[in-house]
């Protein structure tokens, strides 16, 4: 479990560090910090960004916490780690396809519509969701681990309905040509063959 968590976390950390190097601050955090309105910005950030993320981290990682104290092995562990591996590969492939697309000056201002992005508007978020569902399946292999079900549910909610997909799509609609058509023809989350444009 530790090896898979480390693989997932280190890959994502390196990807984000390289992507954000020299870039402006993430617009989502800029938007959150507007709520400070003259209050102490450090305390506001501690509460609204770091404190909230710390609480979410604790809650979402419940399957990992449960598994850390269990000594048991069965077929669900294998299934869980297969899901984690698929999720990491899906997320990494989507991130690499996006990196190559964004770094190509000929695609500036256009919408990525090939590779995994042809089948889902958010292959990186979908891969992340599969990773956390896989960790949950591993937790289900022992004792009462199935009770940690709200952790992957919370992660799915965050990715699809709160901080992931909705905030990013609001931005892309105004910055990427053809994005509205892309939304109309491409699955929002679960990979699926694209619809025909009307």
N, C-alpha and C. Protein backbone atom coordinates (compact mmCIF):
# COMPACT_ATOMS: atom_id res chain seq x y z
N UNK A 1 0.83 -1.20 0.00
CA UNK A 1 0.00 0.00 0.00
C UNK A 1 0.87 1.25 0.00
N UNK A 2 1.90 1.24 0.84
CA UNK A 2 2.81 2.39 0.90
C UNK A 2 3.45 2.65 -0.45
N UNK A 3 3.88 1.59 -1.13
CA UNK A 3 4.53 1.75 -2.44
C UNK A 3 3.57 2.36 -3.46
N UNK A 4 2.31 1.92 -3.46
CA UNK A 4 1.35 2.45 -4.42
C UNK A 4 0.98 3.90 -4.10
N UNK A 5 0.83 4.22 -2.83
CA UNK A 5 0.55 5.61 -2.44
C UNK A 5 1.72 6.50 -2.83
N UNK A 6 2.95 6.01 -2.59
CA UNK A 6 4.13 6.79 -2.93
C UNK A 6 4.24 7.00 -4.44
N UNK A 7 3.97 5.95 -5.21
CA UNK A 7 4.01 6.06 -6.67
C UNK A 7 3.01 7.09 -7.17
N UNK A 8 1.78 6.98 -6.66
CA UNK A 8 0.74 7.94 -7.06
C UNK A 8 1.12 9.37 -6.67
N UNK A 9 1.51 9.55 -5.39
CA UNK A 9 1.79 10.88 -4.89
C UNK A 9 3.02 11.52 -5.51
N UNK A 10 4.09 10.76 -5.67
CA UNK A 10 5.33 11.32 -6.25
C UNK A 10 5.13 11.67 -7.71
N UNK A 11 4.44 10.82 -8.45
CA UNK A 11 4.19 11.15 -9.86
C UNK A 11 3.40 12.43 -10.01
N UNK A 12 2.35 12.57 -9.19
CA UNK A 12 1.52 13.77 -9.25
C UNK A 12 2.31 15.00 -8.80
N UNK A 13 3.10 14.86 -7.74
CA UNK A 13 3.89 15.99 -7.23
C UNK A 13 4.89 16.48 -8.27
N UNK A 14 5.59 15.55 -8.91
CA UNK A 14 6.57 15.94 -9.94
C UNK A 14 5.86 16.60 -11.12
N UNK A 15 4.75 16.02 -11.54
CA UNK A 15 4.00 16.59 -12.66
C UNK A 15 3.56 18.02 -12.35
N UNK A 16 2.99 18.24 -11.17
CA UNK A 16 2.51 19.58 -10.81
C UNK A 16 3.66 20.56 -10.64
N UNK A 17 4.76 20.10 -10.06
CA UNK A 17 5.92 20.99 -9.87
C UNK A 17 6.46 21.46 -11.22
N UNK A 18 6.57 20.55 -12.17
CA UNK A 18 7.07 20.93 -13.50
C UNK A 18 6.07 21.81 -14.23
N UNK A 19 4.79 21.50 -14.09
CA UNK A 19 3.76 22.27 -14.79
C UNK A 19 3.66 23.70 -14.26
N UNK A 20 3.78 23.86 -12.95
CA UNK A 20 3.57 25.18 -12.34
C UNK A 20 4.84 26.01 -12.25
N UNK A 21 5.99 25.43 -12.58
CA UNK A 21 7.25 26.17 -12.48
C UNK A 21 7.18 27.42 -13.35
N UNK A 22 7.34 28.58 -12.73
CA UNK A 22 7.31 29.84 -13.45
C UNK A 22 5.93 30.33 -13.83
N UNK A 23 4.88 29.58 -13.47
CA UNK A 23 3.50 29.97 -13.83
C UNK A 23 2.90 30.85 -12.74
N UNK A 24 1.83 31.54 -13.11
CA UNK A 24 1.10 32.34 -12.13
C UNK A 24 0.38 31.41 -11.15
N UNK A 25 -0.07 31.99 -10.06
CA UNK A 25 -0.79 31.20 -9.06
C UNK A 25 -2.07 30.64 -9.66
N UNK A 26 -2.42 29.44 -9.25
CA UNK A 26 -3.64 28.77 -9.70
C UNK A 26 -4.84 29.69 -9.49
N UNK A 27 -5.63 29.90 -10.54
CA UNK A 27 -6.75 30.84 -10.47
C UNK A 27 -7.80 30.41 -9.43
N UNK A 28 -7.86 29.12 -9.13
CA UNK A 28 -8.83 28.66 -8.13
C UNK A 28 -8.47 29.20 -6.75
N UNK A 29 -7.17 29.24 -6.44
CA UNK A 29 -6.74 29.77 -5.15
C UNK A 29 -6.88 31.29 -5.11
N UNK A 30 -6.64 31.92 -6.24
CA UNK A 30 -6.83 33.38 -6.33
C UNK A 30 -8.29 33.71 -6.02
N UNK A 31 -9.20 32.91 -6.60
CA UNK A 31 -10.62 33.11 -6.37
C UNK A 31 -11.00 32.91 -4.90
N UNK A 32 -10.45 31.87 -4.28
CA UNK A 32 -10.73 31.61 -2.86
C UNK A 32 -10.24 32.75 -2.00
N UNK A 33 -9.06 33.28 -2.31
CA UNK A 33 -8.46 34.33 -1.48
C UNK A 33 -9.20 35.66 -1.59
N UNK A 34 -10.03 35.82 -2.59
CA UNK A 34 -10.85 37.04 -2.69
C UNK A 34 -11.78 37.15 -1.50
N UNK A 35 -12.09 36.02 -0.88
CA UNK A 35 -12.97 36.01 0.28
C UNK A 35 -12.35 36.62 1.53
N UNK A 36 -11.04 36.84 1.52
CA UNK A 36 -10.37 37.41 2.69
C UNK A 36 -10.85 38.84 2.95
N UNK A 37 -11.08 39.63 1.91
CA UNK A 37 -11.62 40.99 1.98
C UNK A 37 -11.08 41.81 3.15
N UNK A 38 -9.79 42.05 3.15
CA UNK A 38 -9.19 42.92 4.16
C UNK A 38 -8.82 42.22 5.45
N UNK A 39 -9.23 40.98 5.64
CA UNK A 39 -8.83 40.24 6.83
C UNK A 39 -7.40 39.76 6.68
N UNK A 40 -6.84 39.20 7.71
CA UNK A 40 -5.49 38.66 7.67
C UNK A 40 -5.45 37.52 6.63
N UNK A 41 -4.73 37.76 5.54
CA UNK A 41 -4.72 36.79 4.44
C UNK A 41 -4.05 35.47 4.83
N UNK A 42 -3.03 35.53 5.69
CA UNK A 42 -2.35 34.31 6.10
C UNK A 42 -3.29 33.41 6.91
N UNK A 43 -4.00 34.01 7.85
CA UNK A 43 -4.94 33.22 8.65
C UNK A 43 -6.10 32.71 7.80
N UNK A 44 -6.54 33.52 6.86
CA UNK A 44 -7.62 33.12 5.98
C UNK A 44 -7.19 31.92 5.12
N UNK A 45 -5.98 32.01 4.56
CA UNK A 45 -5.46 30.91 3.74
C UNK A 45 -5.26 29.66 4.58
N UNK A 46 -4.79 29.84 5.81
CA UNK A 46 -4.58 28.69 6.70
C UNK A 46 -5.90 27.96 6.95
N UNK A 47 -6.96 28.74 7.13
CA UNK A 47 -8.26 28.14 7.43
C UNK A 47 -8.97 27.62 6.18
N UNK A 48 -9.03 28.45 5.13
CA UNK A 48 -9.86 28.13 3.96
C UNK A 48 -9.16 27.26 2.92
N UNK A 49 -7.84 27.26 2.92
CA UNK A 49 -7.12 26.45 1.94
C UNK A 49 -6.42 25.28 2.64
N UNK A 50 -5.45 25.59 3.49
CA UNK A 50 -4.65 24.51 4.09
C UNK A 50 -5.42 23.72 5.14
N UNK A 51 -6.17 24.40 5.98
CA UNK A 51 -6.94 23.70 7.00
C UNK A 51 -8.01 22.81 6.38
N UNK A 52 -8.72 23.36 5.41
CA UNK A 52 -9.77 22.59 4.74
C UNK A 52 -9.19 21.41 3.98
N UNK A 53 -8.07 21.64 3.28
CA UNK A 53 -7.44 20.55 2.55
C UNK A 53 -6.89 19.48 3.50
N UNK A 54 -6.37 19.91 4.65
CA UNK A 54 -5.89 18.94 5.64
C UNK A 54 -7.02 18.05 6.15
N UNK A 55 -8.16 18.67 6.43
CA UNK A 55 -9.33 17.91 6.88
C UNK A 55 -9.82 16.94 5.80
N UNK A 56 -9.86 17.42 4.55
CA UNK A 56 -10.27 16.57 3.45
C UNK A 56 -9.28 15.43 3.23
N UNK A 57 -7.99 15.74 3.36
CA UNK A 57 -6.96 14.71 3.22
C UNK A 57 -7.16 13.60 4.26
N UNK A 58 -7.40 14.00 5.49
CA UNK A 58 -7.63 13.03 6.56
C UNK A 58 -8.84 12.16 6.23
N UNK A 59 -9.93 12.79 5.76
CA UNK A 59 -11.16 12.05 5.50
C UNK A 59 -11.03 11.14 4.28
N UNK A 60 -10.49 11.68 3.18
CA UNK A 60 -10.37 10.90 1.95
C UNK A 60 -9.41 9.73 2.13
N UNK A 61 -8.43 9.88 3.02
CA UNK A 61 -7.44 8.81 3.20
C UNK A 61 -7.88 7.74 4.21
N UNK A 62 -9.12 7.75 4.62
CA UNK A 62 -9.62 6.74 5.56
C UNK A 62 -9.32 5.30 5.13
N UNK A 63 -9.52 4.94 3.84
CA UNK A 63 -9.17 3.58 3.44
C UNK A 63 -7.69 3.25 3.68
N UNK A 64 -6.82 4.24 3.46
CA UNK A 64 -5.39 4.03 3.71
C UNK A 64 -5.13 3.86 5.20
N UNK A 65 -5.78 4.68 6.01
CA UNK A 65 -5.60 4.59 7.46
C UNK A 65 -6.08 3.24 7.98
N UNK A 66 -7.21 2.80 7.45
CA UNK A 66 -7.75 1.50 7.88
C UNK A 66 -6.77 0.38 7.52
N UNK A 67 -6.30 0.40 6.29
CA UNK A 67 -5.42 -0.66 5.80
C UNK A 67 -4.09 -0.68 6.56
N UNK A 68 -3.63 0.47 7.03
CA UNK A 68 -2.35 0.54 7.73
C UNK A 68 -2.32 -0.32 8.99
N UNK A 69 -3.47 -0.60 9.55
CA UNK A 69 -3.54 -1.36 10.81
C UNK A 69 -4.09 -2.77 10.63
N UNK A 70 -4.15 -3.23 9.39
CA UNK A 70 -4.69 -4.57 9.13
C UNK A 70 -3.58 -5.47 8.58
N UNK A 71 -3.55 -6.70 8.99
CA UNK A 71 -2.62 -7.68 8.44
C UNK A 71 -3.46 -8.82 7.89
N UNK A 72 -3.71 -8.75 6.59
CA UNK A 72 -4.61 -9.71 5.96
C UNK A 72 -4.37 -9.63 4.46
N UNK A 73 -4.54 -10.72 3.76
CA UNK A 73 -4.35 -10.71 2.31
C UNK A 73 -5.41 -11.57 1.65
N UNK A 74 -6.10 -11.03 0.67
CA UNK A 74 -7.02 -11.82 -0.14
C UNK A 74 -7.13 -11.22 -1.54
N UNK A 75 -8.00 -11.78 -2.37
CA UNK A 75 -8.08 -11.38 -3.77
C UNK A 75 -8.51 -9.92 -3.96
N UNK A 76 -9.22 -9.35 -2.99
CA UNK A 76 -9.63 -7.94 -3.11
C UNK A 76 -8.43 -7.00 -3.13
N UNK A 77 -7.35 -7.39 -2.44
CA UNK A 77 -6.14 -6.56 -2.46
C UNK A 77 -5.58 -6.51 -3.88
N UNK A 78 -5.55 -7.65 -4.54
CA UNK A 78 -5.05 -7.70 -5.91
C UNK A 78 -5.93 -6.86 -6.82
N UNK A 79 -7.25 -7.01 -6.72
CA UNK A 79 -8.18 -6.23 -7.53
C UNK A 79 -8.00 -4.73 -7.25
N UNK A 80 -7.87 -4.37 -5.98
CA UNK A 80 -7.68 -2.96 -5.62
C UNK A 80 -6.43 -2.38 -6.24
N UNK A 81 -5.32 -3.12 -6.18
CA UNK A 81 -4.06 -2.61 -6.73
C UNK A 81 -4.07 -2.59 -8.26
N UNK A 82 -4.83 -3.49 -8.87
CA UNK A 82 -5.01 -3.42 -10.33
C UNK A 82 -5.73 -2.12 -10.69
N UNK A 83 -6.78 -1.78 -9.93
CA UNK A 83 -7.50 -0.52 -10.16
C UNK A 83 -6.59 0.68 -9.94
N UNK A 84 -5.79 0.66 -8.86
CA UNK A 84 -4.87 1.76 -8.59
C UNK A 84 -3.89 1.92 -9.75
N UNK A 85 -3.36 0.81 -10.25
CA UNK A 85 -2.41 0.87 -11.36
C UNK A 85 -3.06 1.44 -12.62
N UNK A 86 -4.27 0.98 -12.93
CA UNK A 86 -5.00 1.51 -14.09
C UNK A 86 -5.22 3.01 -13.91
N UNK A 87 -5.64 3.42 -12.71
CA UNK A 87 -5.89 4.83 -12.45
C UNK A 87 -4.65 5.68 -12.62
N UNK A 88 -3.51 5.22 -12.08
CA UNK A 88 -2.25 5.97 -12.20
C UNK A 88 -1.86 6.10 -13.67
N UNK A 89 -1.94 4.99 -14.42
CA UNK A 89 -1.58 5.03 -15.83
C UNK A 89 -2.51 5.95 -16.63
N UNK A 90 -3.80 5.90 -16.32
CA UNK A 90 -4.78 6.74 -17.01
C UNK A 90 -4.50 8.22 -16.72
N UNK A 91 -4.29 8.52 -15.45
CA UNK A 91 -4.03 9.90 -15.03
C UNK A 91 -2.72 10.40 -15.64
N UNK A 92 -1.67 9.60 -15.58
CA UNK A 92 -0.37 10.00 -16.11
C UNK A 92 -0.41 10.19 -17.62
N UNK A 93 -1.12 9.31 -18.31
CA UNK A 93 -1.24 9.43 -19.77
C UNK A 93 -1.99 10.70 -20.14
N UNK A 94 -3.10 10.96 -19.46
CA UNK A 94 -3.86 12.19 -19.72
C UNK A 94 -3.03 13.43 -19.45
N UNK A 95 -2.29 13.43 -18.34
CA UNK A 95 -1.45 14.58 -18.00
C UNK A 95 -0.36 14.79 -19.05
N UNK A 96 0.26 13.71 -19.52
CA UNK A 96 1.32 13.84 -20.52
C UNK A 96 0.77 14.31 -21.86
N UNK A 97 -0.39 13.82 -22.25
CA UNK A 97 -1.02 14.28 -23.50
C UNK A 97 -1.34 15.77 -23.41
N UNK A 98 -1.84 16.21 -22.25
CA UNK A 98 -2.15 17.62 -22.07
C UNK A 98 -0.88 18.47 -22.06
N UNK A 99 0.18 17.98 -21.40
CA UNK A 99 1.45 18.72 -21.36
C UNK A 99 1.99 18.94 -22.78
N UNK A 100 1.98 17.88 -23.59
CA UNK A 100 2.48 17.99 -24.96
C UNK A 100 1.62 18.95 -25.78
N UNK A 101 0.32 18.91 -25.58
CA UNK A 101 -0.60 19.78 -26.30
C UNK A 101 -0.37 21.25 -25.94
N UNK A 102 -0.28 21.53 -24.65
CA UNK A 102 -0.12 22.91 -24.18
C UNK A 102 1.25 23.48 -24.58
N UNK A 103 2.27 22.62 -24.63
CA UNK A 103 3.61 23.11 -24.97
C UNK A 103 3.81 23.32 -26.47
N UNK A 104 2.86 22.89 -27.28
CA UNK A 104 2.94 23.07 -28.73
C UNK A 104 2.35 24.43 -29.10
N UNK A 105 3.17 25.36 -29.59
CA UNK A 105 2.65 26.71 -29.89
C UNK A 105 1.56 26.72 -30.96
N UNK A 106 1.50 25.71 -31.80
CA UNK A 106 0.48 25.69 -32.86
C UNK A 106 -0.91 25.38 -32.32
N UNK A 107 -1.01 24.90 -31.07
CA UNK A 107 -2.32 24.57 -30.50
C UNK A 107 -2.80 25.63 -29.52
N UNK A 108 -2.09 26.72 -29.41
CA UNK A 108 -2.43 27.77 -28.45
C UNK A 108 -3.87 28.26 -28.62
N UNK A 109 -4.63 28.21 -27.52
CA UNK A 109 -6.01 28.69 -27.53
C UNK A 109 -7.03 27.71 -28.10
N UNK A 110 -6.57 26.50 -28.49
CA UNK A 110 -7.49 25.51 -29.03
C UNK A 110 -7.80 24.45 -27.96
N UNK A 111 -8.65 23.51 -28.32
CA UNK A 111 -9.10 22.49 -27.37
C UNK A 111 -8.52 21.13 -27.73
N UNK A 112 -7.94 20.46 -26.76
CA UNK A 112 -7.39 19.12 -26.94
C UNK A 112 -8.54 18.12 -27.12
N UNK A 113 -8.50 17.38 -28.25
CA UNK A 113 -9.60 16.46 -28.56
C UNK A 113 -9.10 15.11 -29.05
N UNK A 114 -7.86 14.76 -28.76
CA UNK A 114 -7.36 13.46 -29.19
C UNK A 114 -6.77 12.70 -28.00
N UNK A 115 -6.37 11.45 -28.25
CA UNK A 115 -5.89 10.61 -27.16
C UNK A 115 -7.03 10.31 -26.19
N UNK A 116 -6.71 10.22 -24.92
CA UNK A 116 -7.75 9.96 -23.91
C UNK A 116 -8.76 11.10 -23.86
N UNK A 117 -8.34 12.31 -24.25
CA UNK A 117 -9.21 13.48 -24.19
C UNK A 117 -10.34 13.42 -25.22
N UNK A 118 -10.25 12.48 -26.12
CA UNK A 118 -11.35 12.26 -27.09
C UNK A 118 -12.53 11.57 -26.41
N UNK A 119 -12.26 10.82 -25.35
CA UNK A 119 -13.28 10.00 -24.70
C UNK A 119 -13.78 10.55 -23.37
N UNK A 120 -13.02 11.44 -22.77
CA UNK A 120 -13.46 12.10 -21.53
C UNK A 120 -12.79 13.47 -21.46
N UNK A 121 -13.53 14.44 -20.97
CA UNK A 121 -12.97 15.79 -20.85
C UNK A 121 -11.97 15.89 -19.71
N UNK A 122 -11.93 14.87 -18.86
CA UNK A 122 -11.04 14.92 -17.70
C UNK A 122 -10.40 13.56 -17.41
N UNK A 123 -9.54 13.07 -18.30
CA UNK A 123 -8.92 11.76 -18.04
C UNK A 123 -8.05 11.75 -16.79
N UNK A 124 -7.45 12.89 -16.49
CA UNK A 124 -6.61 12.95 -15.26
C UNK A 124 -7.48 12.84 -14.01
N UNK A 125 -8.61 13.50 -13.98
CA UNK A 125 -9.51 13.40 -12.83
C UNK A 125 -10.13 12.00 -12.75
N UNK A 126 -10.50 11.45 -13.91
CA UNK A 126 -11.06 10.09 -13.91
C UNK A 126 -10.03 9.09 -13.37
N UNK A 127 -8.79 9.21 -13.82
CA UNK A 127 -7.74 8.33 -13.33
C UNK A 127 -7.56 8.46 -11.83
N UNK A 128 -7.60 9.69 -11.33
CA UNK A 128 -7.47 9.93 -9.90
C UNK A 128 -8.61 9.26 -9.13
N UNK A 129 -9.82 9.35 -9.67
CA UNK A 129 -10.97 8.71 -9.03
C UNK A 129 -10.80 7.19 -8.98
N UNK A 130 -10.28 6.60 -10.05
CA UNK A 130 -10.06 5.15 -10.09
C UNK A 130 -9.02 4.76 -9.05
N UNK A 131 -7.98 5.58 -8.89
CA UNK A 131 -6.95 5.32 -7.87
C UNK A 131 -7.59 5.21 -6.50
N UNK A 132 -8.43 6.19 -6.14
CA UNK A 132 -9.01 6.21 -4.79
C UNK A 132 -10.07 5.13 -4.61
N UNK A 133 -10.75 4.76 -5.69
CA UNK A 133 -11.67 3.62 -5.59
C UNK A 133 -10.89 2.33 -5.40
N UNK A 134 -9.71 2.24 -6.02
CA UNK A 134 -8.86 1.08 -5.83
C UNK A 134 -8.38 0.96 -4.40
N UNK A 135 -7.99 2.07 -3.80
CA UNK A 135 -7.57 2.04 -2.39
C UNK A 135 -8.74 1.59 -1.49
N UNK A 136 -9.94 2.02 -1.85
CA UNK A 136 -11.11 1.59 -1.09
C UNK A 136 -11.31 0.08 -1.20
N UNK A 137 -11.15 -0.47 -2.40
CA UNK A 137 -11.30 -1.92 -2.59
C UNK A 137 -10.28 -2.67 -1.73
N UNK A 138 -9.06 -2.15 -1.64
CA UNK A 138 -8.05 -2.77 -0.78
C UNK A 138 -8.53 -2.75 0.67
N UNK A 139 -9.08 -1.62 1.11
CA UNK A 139 -9.59 -1.53 2.49
C UNK A 139 -10.71 -2.53 2.74
N UNK A 140 -11.51 -2.81 1.71
CA UNK A 140 -12.62 -3.77 1.84
C UNK A 140 -12.13 -5.19 2.09
N UNK A 141 -10.85 -5.43 1.86
CA UNK A 141 -10.32 -6.78 2.02
C UNK A 141 -10.21 -7.21 3.47
N UNK A 142 -10.35 -6.27 4.39
CA UNK A 142 -10.14 -6.65 5.79
C UNK A 142 -11.19 -6.04 6.71
N UNK A 143 -11.77 -6.88 7.52
CA UNK A 143 -12.67 -6.43 8.58
C UNK A 143 -13.77 -5.51 8.11
N UNK A 144 -13.84 -4.37 8.79
CA UNK A 144 -14.90 -3.40 8.53
C UNK A 144 -14.46 -2.30 7.56
N UNK A 145 -13.48 -2.60 6.74
CA UNK A 145 -12.96 -1.59 5.81
C UNK A 145 -13.99 -1.03 4.85
N UNK A 146 -15.03 -1.82 4.57
CA UNK A 146 -16.07 -1.34 3.65
C UNK A 146 -16.77 -0.09 4.18
N UNK A 147 -16.67 0.14 5.49
CA UNK A 147 -17.33 1.32 6.08
C UNK A 147 -16.65 2.63 5.68
N UNK A 148 -15.48 2.56 5.04
CA UNK A 148 -14.79 3.78 4.60
C UNK A 148 -15.32 4.26 3.24
N UNK A 149 -16.46 3.77 2.81
CA UNK A 149 -17.04 4.08 1.50
C UNK A 149 -17.21 5.58 1.27
N UNK A 150 -17.46 6.36 2.33
CA UNK A 150 -17.67 7.79 2.14
C UNK A 150 -16.41 8.51 1.68
N UNK A 151 -15.26 7.90 1.88
CA UNK A 151 -14.01 8.53 1.44
C UNK A 151 -13.91 8.60 -0.08
N UNK A 152 -14.05 7.48 -0.82
CA UNK A 152 -14.02 7.62 -2.28
C UNK A 152 -15.23 8.40 -2.81
N UNK A 153 -16.36 8.33 -2.12
CA UNK A 153 -17.52 9.13 -2.54
C UNK A 153 -17.20 10.61 -2.44
N UNK A 154 -16.54 11.00 -1.34
CA UNK A 154 -16.14 12.40 -1.17
C UNK A 154 -15.16 12.82 -2.26
N UNK A 155 -14.20 11.96 -2.59
CA UNK A 155 -13.24 12.29 -3.64
C UNK A 155 -13.94 12.45 -4.99
N UNK A 156 -14.87 11.56 -5.30
CA UNK A 156 -15.62 11.68 -6.55
C UNK A 156 -16.41 12.98 -6.60
N UNK A 157 -17.00 13.34 -5.46
CA UNK A 157 -17.76 14.59 -5.41
C UNK A 157 -16.84 15.79 -5.64
N UNK A 158 -15.69 15.79 -4.99
CA UNK A 158 -14.73 16.90 -5.15
C UNK A 158 -14.29 17.02 -6.61
N UNK A 159 -13.97 15.90 -7.23
CA UNK A 159 -13.46 15.93 -8.60
C UNK A 159 -14.53 16.31 -9.62
N UNK A 160 -15.75 15.82 -9.43
CA UNK A 160 -16.79 16.02 -10.45
C UNK A 160 -17.72 17.20 -10.20
N UNK A 161 -17.86 17.61 -8.94
CA UNK A 161 -18.92 18.59 -8.64
C UNK A 161 -18.47 19.81 -7.86
N UNK A 162 -17.26 19.83 -7.34
CA UNK A 162 -16.88 20.98 -6.51
C UNK A 162 -15.62 21.67 -7.03
N UNK A 163 -14.45 21.18 -6.64
CA UNK A 163 -13.23 21.91 -6.94
C UNK A 163 -12.54 21.49 -8.23
N UNK A 164 -12.87 20.33 -8.76
CA UNK A 164 -12.19 19.85 -9.96
C UNK A 164 -12.82 20.33 -11.24
N UNK A 165 -13.68 19.52 -11.79
CA UNK A 165 -14.28 19.73 -13.11
C UNK A 165 -15.03 21.05 -13.28
N UNK A 166 -15.95 21.41 -12.38
CA UNK A 166 -16.74 22.63 -12.62
C UNK A 166 -15.90 23.91 -12.70
N UNK A 167 -14.95 24.07 -11.77
CA UNK A 167 -14.15 25.29 -11.76
C UNK A 167 -13.27 25.37 -13.00
N UNK A 168 -12.70 24.25 -13.39
CA UNK A 168 -11.83 24.24 -14.56
C UNK A 168 -12.62 24.49 -15.84
N UNK A 169 -13.80 23.90 -15.95
CA UNK A 169 -14.58 24.07 -17.18
C UNK A 169 -15.10 25.49 -17.35
N UNK A 170 -15.43 26.16 -16.26
CA UNK A 170 -15.85 27.57 -16.36
C UNK A 170 -14.74 28.40 -16.99
N UNK A 171 -13.50 28.10 -16.61
CA UNK A 171 -12.36 28.83 -17.15
C UNK A 171 -12.12 28.48 -18.61
N UNK A 172 -12.15 27.19 -18.94
CA UNK A 172 -11.84 26.74 -20.30
C UNK A 172 -12.86 27.20 -21.32
N UNK A 173 -14.11 27.36 -20.90
CA UNK A 173 -15.15 27.83 -21.81
C UNK A 173 -14.80 29.20 -22.37
N UNK A 174 -14.09 30.01 -21.58
CA UNK A 174 -13.75 31.36 -22.02
C UNK A 174 -12.35 31.47 -22.62
N UNK A 175 -11.52 30.45 -22.46
CA UNK A 175 -10.13 30.56 -22.92
C UNK A 175 -9.76 29.62 -24.06
N UNK A 176 -10.62 28.63 -24.36
CA UNK A 176 -10.29 27.65 -25.40
C UNK A 176 -11.33 27.65 -26.51
N UNK A 177 -10.87 27.88 -27.73
CA UNK A 177 -11.78 27.87 -28.88
C UNK A 177 -12.37 26.48 -29.07
N UNK A 178 -13.67 26.42 -29.32
CA UNK A 178 -14.34 25.15 -29.58
C UNK A 178 -14.66 24.34 -28.34
N UNK A 179 -14.47 24.93 -27.16
CA UNK A 179 -14.68 24.15 -25.95
C UNK A 179 -16.17 23.83 -25.74
N UNK A 180 -17.05 24.73 -26.11
CA UNK A 180 -18.49 24.46 -25.96
C UNK A 180 -18.91 23.25 -26.80
N UNK A 181 -18.37 23.15 -28.02
CA UNK A 181 -18.65 22.00 -28.88
C UNK A 181 -18.05 20.73 -28.27
N UNK A 182 -16.87 20.85 -27.70
CA UNK A 182 -16.21 19.73 -27.04
C UNK A 182 -17.08 19.21 -25.88
N UNK A 183 -17.63 20.14 -25.10
CA UNK A 183 -18.51 19.76 -23.99
C UNK A 183 -19.74 19.02 -24.51
N UNK A 184 -20.28 19.47 -25.63
CA UNK A 184 -21.50 18.88 -26.17
C UNK A 184 -21.28 17.47 -26.73
N UNK A 185 -20.05 17.15 -27.12
CA UNK A 185 -19.81 15.87 -27.78
C UNK A 185 -18.99 14.87 -26.96
N UNK A 186 -18.39 15.31 -25.86
CA UNK A 186 -17.45 14.46 -25.12
C UNK A 186 -17.94 14.19 -23.71
N UNK A 187 -17.82 12.96 -23.27
CA UNK A 187 -18.23 12.57 -21.92
C UNK A 187 -17.57 13.47 -20.88
N UNK A 188 -18.34 13.85 -19.88
CA UNK A 188 -17.81 14.78 -18.88
C UNK A 188 -16.82 14.12 -17.93
N UNK A 189 -16.91 12.80 -17.74
CA UNK A 189 -16.03 12.16 -16.76
C UNK A 189 -15.66 10.73 -17.14
N UNK A 190 -16.63 9.84 -17.21
CA UNK A 190 -16.35 8.43 -17.53
C UNK A 190 -16.04 8.31 -19.02
N UNK A 191 -14.92 7.70 -19.39
CA UNK A 191 -14.57 7.58 -20.82
C UNK A 191 -15.66 6.88 -21.62
N UNK A 192 -15.99 7.50 -22.76
CA UNK A 192 -17.06 6.99 -23.61
C UNK A 192 -16.85 7.52 -25.02
N UNK A 193 -17.20 6.75 -26.04
CA UNK A 193 -17.04 7.28 -27.41
C UNK A 193 -17.77 8.60 -27.58
N UNK A 194 -17.17 9.54 -28.31
CA UNK A 194 -17.81 10.87 -28.46
C UNK A 194 -19.09 10.81 -29.27
N UNK A 195 -19.99 11.76 -28.97
CA UNK A 195 -21.23 11.89 -29.74
C UNK A 195 -20.93 12.62 -31.06
N UNK A 196 -21.83 12.51 -31.98
CA UNK A 196 -21.72 13.26 -33.22
C UNK A 196 -22.11 14.70 -32.97
N UNK A 197 -21.35 15.63 -33.52
CA UNK A 197 -21.68 17.06 -33.39
C UNK A 197 -22.99 17.34 -34.12
N UNK A 198 -23.83 18.21 -33.52
CA UNK A 198 -25.11 18.55 -34.14
C UNK A 198 -24.91 19.62 -35.19
